[in-house]
Amino acid sequence: MRYEIRVSGLLQETTRREGFPELESTVVPDQTVLVGDVVDEAHLYGLLNRFQALGLTVTELRRLPE
């Protein structure tokens, strides 16, 4: 399953690379967009926990068409 996750604000490159190595990232005005494969529900919840632990606000989460 491929997901797009939008986070409020601009994440530093180090945070993107080290915090979410399995996701590709793009910075757009006032947001960071992360896209990547999520293997199962546990992986998805693990990603969400990482966002929360870093104090990041997820503004949108959506599963992309296959």
N, C-alpha and C. Protein backbone atom coordinates (compact mmCIF):
# COMPACT_ATOMS: atom_id res chain seq x y z
N MET A 1 0.85 -1.17 0.00
CA MET A 1 0.00 0.00 0.00
C MET A 1 0.90 1.23 0.00
N ARG A 2 0.54 2.18 -0.82
CA ARG A 2 1.31 3.42 -0.91
C ARG A 2 0.48 4.53 -0.26
N TYR A 3 1.14 5.33 0.58
CA TYR A 3 0.46 6.40 1.30
C TYR A 3 1.13 7.74 1.06
N GLU A 4 0.32 8.79 1.15
CA GLU A 4 0.82 10.17 1.17
C GLU A 4 0.46 10.74 2.53
N ILE A 5 1.45 11.31 3.20
CA ILE A 5 1.24 11.89 4.52
C ILE A 5 1.72 13.33 4.47
N ARG A 6 0.82 14.25 4.81
CA ARG A 6 1.16 15.67 4.82
C ARG A 6 1.33 16.13 6.26
N VAL A 7 2.42 16.85 6.49
CA VAL A 7 2.76 17.31 7.83
C VAL A 7 2.83 18.83 7.80
N SER A 8 2.27 19.44 8.82
CA SER A 8 2.31 20.89 8.95
C SER A 8 3.75 21.36 9.15
N GLY A 9 4.14 22.38 8.41
CA GLY A 9 5.47 22.95 8.55
C GLY A 9 6.49 22.30 7.65
N LEU A 10 7.69 22.83 7.73
CA LEU A 10 8.79 22.36 6.90
C LEU A 10 9.75 21.54 7.76
N LEU A 11 9.88 20.27 7.44
CA LEU A 11 10.79 19.40 8.19
C LEU A 11 12.21 19.60 7.68
N GLN A 12 13.14 19.65 8.59
CA GLN A 12 14.55 19.72 8.22
C GLN A 12 14.93 18.44 7.47
N GLU A 13 15.89 18.55 6.58
CA GLU A 13 16.32 17.39 5.80
C GLU A 13 16.79 16.25 6.71
N THR A 14 17.50 16.57 7.76
CA THR A 14 17.99 15.55 8.69
C THR A 14 16.82 14.80 9.33
N THR A 15 15.79 15.52 9.74
CA THR A 15 14.61 14.89 10.35
C THR A 15 13.93 13.99 9.34
N ARG A 16 13.79 14.47 8.12
CA ARG A 16 13.14 13.65 7.07
C ARG A 16 13.94 12.39 6.80
N ARG A 17 15.24 12.54 6.65
CA ARG A 17 16.11 11.43 6.27
C ARG A 17 16.25 10.41 7.41
N GLU A 18 16.47 10.90 8.63
CA GLU A 18 16.71 9.99 9.75
C GLU A 18 15.42 9.51 10.42
N GLY A 19 14.40 10.35 10.44
CA GLY A 19 13.15 9.97 11.10
C GLY A 19 12.24 9.10 10.25
N PHE A 20 12.35 9.28 8.92
CA PHE A 20 11.45 8.57 8.02
C PHE A 20 12.21 8.10 6.77
N PRO A 21 13.20 7.22 6.96
CA PRO A 21 14.05 6.82 5.83
C PRO A 21 13.30 6.06 4.74
N GLU A 22 12.17 5.46 5.08
CA GLU A 22 11.43 4.68 4.09
C GLU A 22 10.50 5.53 3.23
N LEU A 23 10.43 6.84 3.52
CA LEU A 23 9.52 7.72 2.79
C LEU A 23 10.29 8.75 1.97
N GLU A 24 9.77 9.04 0.79
CA GLU A 24 10.29 10.13 -0.03
C GLU A 24 9.62 11.41 0.44
N SER A 25 10.32 12.52 0.39
CA SER A 25 9.72 13.76 0.89
C SER A 25 9.85 14.89 -0.12
N THR A 26 8.85 15.77 -0.06
CA THR A 26 8.82 16.98 -0.86
C THR A 26 8.33 18.10 0.03
N VAL A 27 8.95 19.25 -0.09
CA VAL A 27 8.52 20.41 0.67
C VAL A 27 7.68 21.29 -0.24
N VAL A 28 6.48 21.63 0.22
CA VAL A 28 5.59 22.55 -0.48
C VAL A 28 5.29 23.69 0.51
N PRO A 29 4.70 24.79 0.05
CA PRO A 29 4.46 25.90 0.98
C PRO A 29 3.74 25.45 2.27
N ASP A 30 4.38 25.68 3.39
CA ASP A 30 3.84 25.43 4.73
C ASP A 30 3.61 23.96 5.06
N GLN A 31 4.07 23.04 4.22
CA GLN A 31 3.88 21.61 4.50
C GLN A 31 5.06 20.80 3.98
N THR A 32 5.18 19.62 4.56
CA THR A 32 6.09 18.61 4.02
C THR A 32 5.23 17.41 3.64
N VAL A 33 5.42 16.91 2.43
CA VAL A 33 4.67 15.77 1.93
C VAL A 33 5.60 14.57 1.88
N LEU A 34 5.19 13.50 2.54
CA LEU A 34 5.98 12.26 2.57
C LEU A 34 5.17 11.17 1.88
N VAL A 35 5.82 10.42 1.02
CA VAL A 35 5.14 9.38 0.25
C VAL A 35 5.98 8.11 0.31
N GLY A 36 5.30 6.99 0.46
CA GLY A 36 6.04 5.73 0.45
C GLY A 36 5.15 4.53 0.69
N ASP A 37 5.77 3.38 0.58
CA ASP A 37 5.06 2.12 0.79
C ASP A 37 4.94 1.83 2.28
N VAL A 38 3.76 1.40 2.67
CA VAL A 38 3.47 0.99 4.04
C VAL A 38 3.08 -0.48 3.95
N VAL A 39 3.83 -1.33 4.63
CA VAL A 39 3.64 -2.77 4.45
C VAL A 39 2.40 -3.33 5.12
N ASP A 40 2.01 -2.74 6.25
CA ASP A 40 0.82 -3.23 6.95
C ASP A 40 0.34 -2.17 7.95
N GLU A 41 -0.71 -2.49 8.65
CA GLU A 41 -1.30 -1.55 9.60
C GLU A 41 -0.34 -1.20 10.74
N ALA A 42 0.43 -2.18 11.19
CA ALA A 42 1.40 -1.93 12.26
C ALA A 42 2.45 -0.91 11.81
N HIS A 43 2.89 -1.01 10.57
CA HIS A 43 3.86 -0.05 10.03
C HIS A 43 3.25 1.35 9.99
N LEU A 44 1.99 1.45 9.56
CA LEU A 44 1.31 2.74 9.50
C LEU A 44 1.22 3.37 10.89
N TYR A 45 0.81 2.59 11.88
CA TYR A 45 0.72 3.12 13.24
C TYR A 45 2.10 3.47 13.79
N GLY A 46 3.11 2.73 13.40
CA GLY A 46 4.47 3.06 13.81
C GLY A 46 4.91 4.40 13.25
N LEU A 47 4.57 4.66 11.98
CA LEU A 47 4.88 5.97 11.38
C LEU A 47 4.17 7.09 12.13
N LEU A 48 2.89 6.88 12.40
CA LEU A 48 2.12 7.90 13.11
C LEU A 48 2.69 8.16 14.50
N ASN A 49 3.15 7.11 15.16
CA ASN A 49 3.79 7.28 16.47
C ASN A 49 5.07 8.08 16.37
N ARG A 50 5.85 7.86 15.30
CA ARG A 50 7.08 8.65 15.11
C ARG A 50 6.76 10.12 14.90
N PHE A 51 5.71 10.41 14.10
CA PHE A 51 5.31 11.81 13.90
C PHE A 51 4.95 12.44 15.24
N GLN A 52 4.17 11.72 16.03
CA GLN A 52 3.74 12.24 17.33
C GLN A 52 4.93 12.44 18.26
N ALA A 53 5.84 11.48 18.29
CA ALA A 53 7.00 11.58 19.18
C ALA A 53 7.88 12.78 18.83
N LEU A 54 7.89 13.17 17.57
CA LEU A 54 8.67 14.32 17.13
C LEU A 54 7.89 15.63 17.25
N GLY A 55 6.65 15.54 17.74
CA GLY A 55 5.83 16.74 17.91
C GLY A 55 5.30 17.31 16.61
N LEU A 56 5.17 16.45 15.59
CA LEU A 56 4.70 16.89 14.27
C LEU A 56 3.20 16.71 14.15
N THR A 57 2.57 17.60 13.40
CA THR A 57 1.13 17.53 13.18
C THR A 57 0.84 16.99 11.79
N VAL A 58 0.20 15.82 11.72
CA VAL A 58 -0.22 15.25 10.45
C VAL A 58 -1.52 15.93 10.05
N THR A 59 -1.51 16.60 8.91
CA THR A 59 -2.71 17.31 8.46
C THR A 59 -3.54 16.50 7.48
N GLU A 60 -2.89 15.52 6.83
CA GLU A 60 -3.64 14.68 5.89
C GLU A 60 -2.90 13.36 5.73
N LEU A 61 -3.67 12.29 5.66
CA LEU A 61 -3.14 10.96 5.44
C LEU A 61 -4.07 10.29 4.45
N ARG A 62 -3.50 9.82 3.34
CA ARG A 62 -4.37 9.15 2.39
C ARG A 62 -3.64 8.02 1.68
N ARG A 63 -4.40 6.98 1.40
CA ARG A 63 -3.86 5.85 0.67
C ARG A 63 -3.96 6.19 -0.82
N LEU A 64 -2.87 5.98 -1.52
CA LEU A 64 -2.84 6.29 -2.94
C LEU A 64 -3.31 5.09 -3.75
N PRO A 65 -3.88 5.35 -4.93
CA PRO A 65 -4.32 4.23 -5.77
C PRO A 65 -3.14 3.35 -6.17
N GLU A 66 -3.40 2.09 -6.29
CA GLU A 66 -2.33 1.12 -6.67
C GLU A 66 -1.96 1.30 -8.11
